[in-house]
Each structure stands twice: as C-alpha cells, then as structure tokens.
Amino acid sequence: MFPQTLRTFSNQPESHTIVMRARTTSREVCVQTLGTIGRFVSDAACGILYTFSIAIGLGIVPAHSHHLLPMALATVAGLIIAGALCPPSQDTGSDDAKVAETSRWRSPAVLGKALKVRGFAFLAGLIYCAIGAATAAEVANFEILTLEGNNVRWQKPSDGQGPVISYSIVSDTAEFVGARNCRKLTTLDELAAASQLLKAMVREEIAAAFAMWESVANLTFRETPDSSKANILIGAQMEPEGWAFADVFYDALSSERLKPISKALICLNPTKRWKIGFDGDLKTYDLRYTIAHEIGHAIGLDHPSGAGQLMDYHYAERFRQLQPGDVQGALQLYGDRQPVTVVAKAAPRPHDARSPAARRYAKRWGTRAFPTPSQ
C-alpha cells in the first residue's frame, strides 16, 4: 500500500493542480486586497472632505486657514480616483469552478494583468494627488502676521470700502518709543546719495511698491507730505543694523478678531548699498522689491513657510512682482478690490469709553526683518 500511495501523491497532473491553486489563491488575495484598500480610501477621502467643509462652516477651522481647502480638495480628488479605479474583485462561481479555472496555465497571466491594472490605477491616483496638492500649496503659500498671539490688519471703514492707508517718507529725524529696529529714523537722502540713486527715483520706486499691493486687494495707499499724520513711515535707520525692517503697532485691547494696526514703520540700513532693478548681485538689494516686502509686513503678512513668494524670508532676484501666495494673503485680509462708491454720510463709529492712558497702553508692537540674501 505504501508504494501505491506514493505513486498517487506523485501524480503529475494532481501535483500541477495543487501548485497552481496555491499560486492563484495568493494572487487573488493581492487583487482583493488592492480593491478593498481602494474602496476604503475612497470612503475615507469623502469623509475627510465633508468634515473639513463642516469645520470651516462652523468656524472650527480659523478663517485665515481656509487657504488649506484647495490642497484638501486636490488630495481628496486624487484619493477618490485611486479608489474608483480599484473596485474590490467580485466573488462569483463555485469553489470547484475556481479550482478548475486555476488549473489552466493562462490563469496567472489574466490575474497578473488585473493586478497590473489596479496597481497602475493606484499609481495614477497618487500622482494626481501629489501634483494637485503641490499646485494648491504653491498658490496658497502665505502666512498671516501673528504678534503676541494676535492676527493684525488695518481696520476696514464701516462703509464697506477697503481701508485708506497714508504713507510718508520721513522728512526729518524722528524717534519712536517702543519700536525695536526702527527706533530712530531719518531721511533717505544719505542712503540715496551713497548708492548713487536720485531722490526722485527712490520716491517712484516706493510708490510702485505700494501700487503692487493696491492693485490686488481692497486697500488704498495715499502719500502725504505730513509725516506726523501718516499711517506708514519710511526712513533710514539712525542706528543701522541688518538690511530692512518693519515695526507694526496695533491695538491689543480691541474687541476685533483681527486687531487693528495703528501705525507701521519701515526702515532701511543706510550703510548698505541699494539699487533699482536686478543684476544678480544678491548683496545689493533692489529698492522696490525690499519696500514691497516690508509693506507686506506693514499690512499684516508674515514670512510664508515655503519659498517662491515675495514675502519669502530670504532676498532673491527671481521675480519683481507679487506671487500667487502674496496675492492670496492680501485677499484673505482685505478681500477683492471693490469699485469706489460715494457715500453721503458715514455711520458714526461707536464711542470708546476707555481712558487715553488705557488706549496708549493698548498699543503693542511687533517687528519683522528682511535679513539675509538667498544663497
């Protein structure tokens, strides 16, 4: 009996069937696993989208964080594609039929093709996900300025128009108590002379820098000759350090969610050389680029987490205009530019019962720098 049993076990067709069945079962498990993962990813992606949308609607996610939505949508779309193209395999037919099917030599090729299709589907979904998320991140690359835990911006008037912000180039020496980097300011005359720049050209570059921001968001800048009444002052440091800085003062006791900026100072180091335009020399800063960067701080923007924006922490001569993240940041704070309307009478502002001393104490400040060139 033992020899007969041995001969039966070693029968070639039966052995072939057993081996093929084991191999095919392994492939079936792989295909079903991919399909299950695809369905799970699709459901999870939809859940993420719905949760994110509800959180924004209820205000759980801060308003200034809604620029994450494009990235979330792109990611969800990529995951849904991966899930939709990878449905779970259907379990049809009897076990005997499956065994019979797996005994054919062509079965590995069929299952291999199915496995390959589902693998490519996952890969396509992930690639779409990565490209979409990267594109959205580039567009939304900005950061709202946070000073002592408070976000700040210039207060909008009650008539629905954007704020009108006055600026002035310092015409005499001035000292500002509480400022950090721009404590003492003087005129830009010596700075312009040392860099062989005409004063008229310096003024034009400053105006052009303000115009860059005004053209994309609902705020207006007006130059005023009276420095004492200007909202933003621009001058040269009397105690030179770094390259350029912005000191921002705001009302910390305001009940507004975004604390109103009360004044901003922009100061340049007169011992550094300055220029108009790009020439590849990263040790000599372009005046318009630098002033536009500091204006970004003065209206409530900070350095973004990524590169590729004018508000980037490092000076680089790759572009001389606002980038998508810069624009999105300004729009987040001030909204789209609105057409000018004539209002017969503005609504009276509510009276603030706090004492002048309390108001003075409420004026807090923060500083941002444009310190080093990009290597």
Protein backbone atom coordinates (compact mmCIF):
# COMPACT_ATOMS: atom_id res chain seq x y z
CA MET A 1 0.00 0.00 0.00
CA PHE A 2 2.79 2.39 0.73
CA PRO A 3 4.25 2.29 -2.80
CA GLN A 4 0.78 2.76 -4.31
CA THR A 5 0.10 5.77 -2.08
CA LEU A 6 3.43 7.24 -3.01
CA ARG A 7 2.66 6.86 -6.71
CA THR A 8 -0.75 8.55 -6.33
CA PHE A 9 0.76 11.55 -4.46
CA SER A 10 3.40 11.94 -7.11
CA ASN A 11 0.88 12.01 -9.94
CA GLN A 12 1.96 14.89 -12.19
CA PRO A 13 -1.46 16.41 -13.12
CA GLU A 14 -2.63 16.40 -9.48
CA SER A 15 0.61 17.93 -8.29
CA HIS A 16 0.35 20.57 -11.01
CA THR A 17 -3.19 21.44 -9.88
CA ILE A 18 -2.20 21.78 -6.23
CA VAL A 19 0.75 24.06 -7.02
CA MET A 20 -1.26 26.21 -9.42
CA ARG A 21 -4.09 26.53 -6.90
CA ALA A 22 -1.73 27.81 -4.23
CA ARG A 23 -0.19 30.36 -6.60
CA THR A 24 -3.53 31.60 -7.88
CA THR A 25 -5.01 31.92 -4.42
CA SER A 26 -2.10 34.17 -3.46
CA ARG A 27 -2.76 36.43 -6.47
CA GLU A 28 -6.48 36.55 -5.72
CA VAL A 29 -5.70 37.75 -2.22
CA CYS A 30 -3.49 40.51 -3.66
CA VAL A 31 -6.17 41.67 -6.09
CA GLN A 32 -8.90 41.63 -3.45
CA THR A 33 -6.67 43.46 -1.01
CA LEU A 34 -5.99 46.23 -3.54
CA GLY A 35 -9.70 46.55 -4.27
CA THR A 36 -10.59 46.72 -0.59
CA ILE A 37 -7.97 49.38 0.03
CA GLY A 38 -9.27 51.36 -2.93
CA ARG A 39 -12.83 51.32 -1.58
CA PHE A 40 -11.66 52.24 1.91
CA VAL A 41 -9.54 55.13 0.61
CA SER A 42 -12.44 56.47 -1.44
CA ASP A 43 -14.80 56.41 1.56
CA ALA A 44 -12.18 57.95 3.85
CA ALA A 45 -11.45 60.70 1.33
CA CYS A 46 -15.11 61.68 1.14
CA GLY A 47 -15.29 61.72 4.93
CA ILE A 48 -12.26 64.00 5.13
CA LEU A 49 -13.78 66.41 2.60
CA TYR A 50 -17.13 66.57 4.41
CA THR A 51 -15.50 67.01 7.82
CA PHE A 52 -13.22 69.76 6.55
CA SER A 53 -16.11 71.62 4.91
CA ILE A 54 -18.30 71.40 8.03
CA ALA A 55 -15.41 72.61 10.23
CA ILE A 56 -14.96 75.69 8.04
CA GLY A 57 -18.69 76.41 8.00
CA LEU A 58 -18.98 76.18 11.79
CA GLY A 59 -15.87 78.30 12.30
CA ILE A 60 -13.94 75.50 14.00
CA VAL A 61 -11.18 76.00 11.46
CA PRO A 62 -9.99 79.66 11.65
CA ALA A 63 -11.00 81.83 8.72
CA HIS A 64 -7.41 82.60 7.82
CA SER A 65 -6.75 78.86 7.45
CA HIS A 66 -9.28 78.28 4.66
CA HIS A 67 -6.48 78.51 2.11
CA LEU A 68 -5.86 74.85 3.01
CA LEU A 69 -9.06 73.93 1.17
CA PRO A 70 -7.51 73.76 -2.34
CA MET A 71 -4.89 71.32 -1.07
CA ALA A 72 -7.56 69.23 0.68
CA LEU A 73 -9.74 69.13 -2.43
CA ALA A 74 -6.81 68.12 -4.64
CA THR A 75 -5.79 65.40 -2.22
CA VAL A 76 -9.34 64.07 -1.91
CA ALA A 77 -9.78 64.05 -5.69
CA GLY A 78 -6.62 62.01 -6.10
CA LEU A 79 -7.68 59.52 -3.44
CA ILE A 80 -11.15 59.15 -4.93
CA ILE A 81 -9.63 58.41 -8.35
CA ALA A 82 -7.48 55.73 -6.77
CA GLY A 83 -10.50 54.21 -5.04
CA ALA A 84 -12.80 54.40 -8.06
CA LEU A 85 -10.34 52.68 -10.35
CA CYS A 86 -9.66 49.90 -7.85
CA PRO A 87 -13.02 48.30 -7.01
CA PRO A 88 -12.94 45.09 -4.97
CA SER A 89 -12.95 41.92 -7.06
CA GLN A 90 -16.29 40.13 -7.22
CA ASP A 91 -16.60 36.64 -5.70
CA THR A 92 -18.53 34.65 -8.34
CA GLY A 93 -18.75 30.98 -9.16
CA SER A 94 -18.36 27.83 -7.10
CA ASP A 95 -15.20 26.63 -5.47
CA ASP A 96 -14.98 23.76 -7.96
CA ALA A 97 -15.14 26.18 -10.86
CA LYS A 98 -12.38 28.25 -9.30
CA VAL A 99 -10.19 25.17 -8.88
CA ALA A 100 -10.83 24.19 -12.48
CA GLU A 101 -10.01 27.71 -13.64
CA THR A 102 -6.80 27.87 -11.66
CA SER A 103 -5.59 24.66 -13.25
CA ARG A 104 -5.14 26.45 -16.57
CA TRP A 105 -1.75 27.83 -17.47
CA ARG A 106 -3.28 31.10 -18.73
CA SER A 107 -4.76 31.98 -15.32
CA PRO A 108 -1.55 33.60 -13.93
CA ALA A 109 -1.40 35.88 -16.97
CA VAL A 110 -5.02 37.02 -16.52
CA LEU A 111 -4.62 37.68 -12.82
CA GLY A 112 -1.27 39.33 -13.38
CA LYS A 113 -2.88 41.71 -15.87
CA ALA A 114 -5.64 42.55 -13.38
CA LEU A 115 -3.07 43.15 -10.68
CA LYS A 116 -1.08 45.40 -13.00
CA VAL A 117 -4.18 47.45 -13.97
CA ARG A 118 -5.08 48.04 -10.34
CA GLY A 119 -1.52 48.90 -9.47
CA PHE A 120 -1.38 51.49 -12.25
CA ALA A 121 -4.72 52.88 -11.07
CA PHE A 122 -3.34 53.42 -7.59
CA LEU A 123 -0.18 54.97 -9.00
CA ALA A 124 -2.18 57.33 -11.23
CA GLY A 125 -4.34 58.41 -8.30
CA LEU A 126 -1.35 59.05 -6.07
CA ILE A 127 0.45 61.03 -8.80
CA TYR A 128 -2.64 63.18 -9.35
CA CYS A 129 -2.90 63.63 -5.60
CA ALA A 130 0.72 64.78 -5.30
CA ILE A 131 0.57 67.15 -8.27
CA GLY A 132 -2.73 68.68 -7.19
CA ALA A 133 -1.62 69.14 -3.60
CA ALA A 134 1.70 70.67 -4.63
CA THR A 135 -0.03 73.10 -7.00
CA ALA A 136 -2.55 74.12 -4.37
CA ALA A 137 0.19 74.56 -1.78
CA GLU A 138 2.11 76.84 -4.13
CA VAL A 139 -0.94 79.02 -4.75
CA ALA A 140 -1.80 79.26 -1.06
CA ASN A 141 1.70 79.81 0.28
CA PHE A 142 1.21 82.73 2.66
CA GLU A 143 1.16 83.40 6.38
CA ILE A 144 -0.88 85.92 8.36
CA LEU A 145 1.21 88.06 10.71
CA THR A 146 0.83 86.99 14.34
CA LEU A 147 2.04 89.33 17.10
CA GLU A 148 1.80 88.04 20.66
CA GLY A 149 -0.84 85.57 19.54
CA ASN A 150 -2.89 88.20 17.66
CA ASN A 151 -3.51 88.49 13.93
CA VAL A 152 -3.50 92.09 12.75
CA ARG A 153 -4.63 94.21 9.81
CA TRP A 154 -5.69 97.75 9.01
CA GLN A 155 -9.29 98.30 10.07
CA LYS A 156 -11.93 98.48 7.36
CA PRO A 157 -14.28 101.50 7.40
CA SER A 158 -17.97 100.95 8.09
CA ASP A 159 -19.00 101.86 4.53
CA GLY A 160 -17.75 98.55 3.19
CA GLN A 161 -14.82 100.03 1.30
CA GLY A 162 -11.25 98.97 1.92
CA PRO A 163 -9.02 100.91 4.29
CA VAL A 164 -7.28 104.03 3.00
CA ILE A 165 -3.73 103.99 4.37
CA SER A 166 -1.50 107.04 4.21
CA TYR A 167 2.27 106.81 3.93
CA SER A 168 5.09 109.30 4.04
CA ILE A 169 8.84 109.36 3.53
CA VAL A 170 10.48 110.76 6.65
CA SER A 171 11.48 114.40 6.08
CA ASP A 172 13.31 114.90 9.37
CA THR A 173 14.72 112.86 12.21
CA ALA A 174 12.14 111.17 14.39
CA GLU A 175 12.18 108.83 17.38
CA PHE A 176 9.53 106.24 18.20
CA VAL A 177 9.22 104.95 21.73
CA GLY A 178 8.54 101.23 21.85
CA ALA A 179 9.86 100.49 18.37
CA ARG A 180 12.58 97.89 18.10
CA ASN A 181 14.51 98.13 14.83
CA CYS A 182 13.11 101.46 13.65
CA ARG A 183 13.52 103.39 16.89
CA LYS A 184 15.18 106.39 15.26
CA LEU A 185 14.54 107.33 11.66
CA THR A 186 15.96 109.95 9.35
CA THR A 187 15.58 110.89 5.72
CA LEU A 188 16.61 108.68 2.82
CA ASP A 189 18.84 111.41 1.35
CA GLU A 190 22.17 109.97 2.52
CA LEU A 191 21.10 106.44 1.59
CA ALA A 192 20.23 107.56 -1.93
CA ALA A 193 23.45 109.55 -2.32
CA ALA A 194 25.64 106.67 -1.08
CA SER A 195 24.00 104.29 -3.59
CA GLN A 196 24.05 106.92 -6.39
CA LEU A 197 20.27 106.98 -6.68
CA LEU A 198 18.27 110.09 -7.49
CA LYS A 199 15.77 111.05 -4.78
CA ALA A 200 13.01 111.25 -7.39
CA MET A 201 13.75 107.68 -8.48
CA VAL A 202 13.66 106.49 -4.87
CA ARG A 203 10.23 108.07 -4.43
CA GLU A 204 8.98 106.46 -7.64
CA GLU A 205 10.15 103.01 -6.55
CA ILE A 206 8.43 103.38 -3.19
CA ALA A 207 5.18 104.43 -4.90
CA ALA A 208 5.47 101.46 -7.28
CA ALA A 209 5.89 99.09 -4.32
CA PHE A 210 2.68 100.36 -2.71
CA ALA A 211 0.88 100.14 -6.07
CA MET A 212 1.72 96.43 -6.28
CA TRP A 213 -0.36 95.66 -3.20
CA GLU A 214 -3.09 98.15 -4.01
CA SER A 215 -3.68 96.54 -7.40
CA VAL A 216 -4.58 93.11 -5.99
CA ALA A 217 -6.58 93.76 -2.81
CA ASN A 218 -9.24 96.06 -1.38
CA LEU A 219 -6.98 98.68 0.18
CA THR A 220 -5.74 102.08 -0.98
CA PHE A 221 -2.47 103.91 -0.30
CA ARG A 222 -2.09 107.68 -0.35
CA GLU A 223 1.18 109.56 0.03
CA THR A 224 1.05 112.51 2.40
CA PRO A 225 3.74 115.15 2.95
CA ASP A 226 2.90 115.37 6.65
CA SER A 227 4.84 112.60 8.36
CA SER A 228 3.10 113.23 11.68
CA LYS A 229 -0.24 112.15 10.20
CA ALA A 230 0.96 109.22 8.10
CA ASN A 231 -0.05 105.66 8.94
CA ILE A 232 3.15 104.18 7.48
CA LEU A 233 6.50 105.95 7.74
CA ILE A 234 9.53 105.08 5.63
CA GLY A 235 13.04 106.21 6.52
CA ALA A 236 16.66 105.29 7.12
CA GLN A 237 17.91 103.86 10.39
CA MET A 238 19.93 106.16 12.61
CA GLU A 239 21.18 103.04 14.41
CA PRO A 240 22.00 100.83 11.40
CA GLU A 241 21.60 97.05 11.57
CA GLY A 242 20.53 94.31 9.19
CA TRP A 243 19.08 95.38 5.82
CA ALA A 244 15.43 96.32 6.27
CA PHE A 245 12.77 96.04 8.95
CA ALA A 246 9.11 96.75 9.64
CA ASP A 247 7.76 97.62 13.10
CA VAL A 248 3.99 97.17 13.40
CA PHE A 249 1.93 98.75 16.20
CA TYR A 250 -1.60 97.53 16.95
CA ASP A 251 -4.43 97.87 19.46
CA ALA A 252 -4.21 94.79 21.66
CA LEU A 253 -7.38 95.70 23.62
CA SER A 254 -9.61 95.87 20.57
CA SER A 255 -12.59 93.52 20.54
CA GLU A 256 -11.99 92.78 16.86
CA ARG A 257 -10.87 89.27 15.95
CA LEU A 258 -8.15 90.78 13.78
CA LYS A 259 -6.59 93.51 15.91
CA PRO A 260 -6.40 96.87 14.10
CA ILE A 261 -2.98 98.16 13.13
CA SER A 262 -2.45 101.73 14.33
CA LYS A 263 0.95 102.53 12.78
CA ALA A 264 3.81 100.90 10.92
CA LEU A 265 7.43 101.88 10.42
CA ILE A 266 9.66 100.73 7.55
CA CYS A 267 13.37 101.36 7.93
CA LEU A 268 16.35 100.70 5.66
CA ASN A 269 20.02 100.41 6.59
CA PRO A 270 21.82 103.41 5.02
CA THR A 271 25.22 101.71 5.29
CA LYS A 272 24.18 99.04 2.77
CA ARG A 273 24.24 99.65 -0.95
CA TRP A 274 20.88 99.78 -2.71
CA LYS A 275 19.90 99.57 -6.36
CA ILE A 276 16.95 99.76 -8.75
CA GLY A 277 16.40 96.55 -10.71
CA PHE A 278 18.05 93.14 -10.68
CA ASP A 279 21.62 92.44 -11.73
CA GLY A 280 22.36 89.13 -9.98
CA ASP A 281 24.21 90.75 -7.06
CA LEU A 282 22.37 89.42 -4.01
CA LYS A 283 24.43 91.57 -1.64
CA THR A 284 22.86 94.73 -3.04
CA TYR A 285 19.10 94.83 -2.56
CA ASP A 286 16.60 96.12 -5.11
CA LEU A 287 14.72 99.01 -3.53
CA ARG A 288 11.26 98.23 -4.92
CA TYR A 289 11.44 94.54 -4.03
CA THR A 290 12.57 95.31 -0.48
CA ILE A 291 10.00 98.03 0.17
CA ALA A 292 7.21 95.83 -1.23
CA HIS A 293 8.29 93.03 1.11
CA GLU A 294 8.20 95.34 4.14
CA ILE A 295 4.84 96.76 3.08
CA GLY A 296 3.56 93.18 3.19
CA HIS A 297 4.50 93.08 6.88
CA ALA A 298 3.00 96.53 7.42
CA ILE A 299 -0.41 95.34 6.16
CA GLY A 300 -0.43 92.10 8.18
CA LEU A 301 1.52 89.39 6.33
CA ASP A 302 4.39 87.31 7.67
CA HIS A 303 7.08 85.17 6.06
CA PRO A 304 5.45 82.07 4.49
CA SER A 305 6.56 78.57 5.38
CA GLY A 306 7.71 77.85 1.82
CA ALA A 307 9.77 79.69 -0.77
CA GLY A 308 8.73 81.21 -4.09
CA GLN A 309 6.90 84.30 -2.79
CA LEU A 310 7.90 87.94 -2.49
CA MET A 311 7.23 87.61 1.25
CA ASP A 312 9.86 84.87 1.48
CA TYR A 313 12.33 85.27 4.35
CA HIS A 314 15.32 85.48 2.00
CA TYR A 315 16.08 88.06 -0.65
CA ALA A 316 16.24 86.52 -4.13
CA GLU A 317 16.10 88.00 -7.62
CA ARG A 318 13.72 85.55 -9.27
CA PHE A 319 10.74 87.88 -9.73
CA ARG A 320 9.92 91.53 -9.17
CA GLN A 321 6.17 91.30 -8.64
CA LEU A 322 3.75 89.70 -6.21
CA GLN A 323 3.42 85.92 -6.42
CA PRO A 324 0.21 83.85 -6.01
CA GLY A 325 0.74 83.32 -2.29
CA ASP A 326 1.34 87.04 -1.71
CA VAL A 327 -1.89 87.87 -3.55
CA GLN A 328 -3.90 85.24 -1.67
CA GLY A 329 -2.61 86.58 1.64
CA ALA A 330 -3.68 90.14 0.81
CA LEU A 331 -7.07 88.90 -0.37
CA GLN A 332 -7.52 86.92 2.83
CA LEU A 333 -7.03 90.08 4.89
CA TYR A 334 -8.78 92.70 2.74
CA GLY A 335 -10.81 90.92 0.10
CA ASP A 336 -11.11 91.66 -3.62
CA ARG A 337 -10.68 95.21 -4.75
CA GLN A 338 -14.07 96.96 -4.86
CA PRO A 339 -15.17 99.84 -7.10
CA VAL A 340 -15.18 103.20 -5.34
CA THR A 341 -18.66 104.34 -4.27
CA VAL A 342 -19.83 107.72 -2.99
CA VAL A 343 -21.37 107.63 0.47
CA ALA A 344 -23.43 110.65 1.59
CA LYS A 345 -22.75 110.19 5.27
CA ALA A 346 -20.73 107.57 7.06
CA ALA A 347 -22.22 105.83 10.06
CA PRO A 348 -20.84 107.16 13.36
CA ARG A 349 -18.23 104.97 15.00
CA PRO A 350 -19.06 103.66 18.48
CA HIS A 351 -17.54 105.65 21.30
CA ASP A 352 -14.64 104.01 23.11
CA ALA A 353 -15.05 104.65 26.84
CA ARG A 354 -11.51 103.67 27.70
CA SER A 355 -9.27 106.40 29.02
CA PRO A 356 -6.42 107.84 26.89
CA ALA A 357 -3.95 106.14 29.21
CA ALA A 358 -5.60 102.78 28.62
CA ARG A 359 -5.56 103.39 24.88
CA ARG A 360 -1.84 104.18 24.96
CA TYR A 361 -1.16 101.02 26.93
CA ALA A 362 -3.12 99.03 24.36
CA LYS A 363 -0.75 99.99 21.56
CA ARG A 364 1.50 97.00 21.18
CA TRP A 365 4.06 96.32 18.51
CA GLY A 366 5.97 93.65 16.65
CA THR A 367 8.82 93.63 14.18
CA ARG A 368 9.72 91.68 11.05
CA ALA A 369 13.02 91.69 9.21
CA PHE A 370 14.34 91.11 5.71
CA PRO A 371 17.76 90.00 6.92
CA THR A 372 19.76 87.86 4.55
CA PRO A 373 20.12 87.21 0.83
CA SER A 374 19.29 83.79 -0.56
CA GLN A 375 22.39 81.72 -1.24
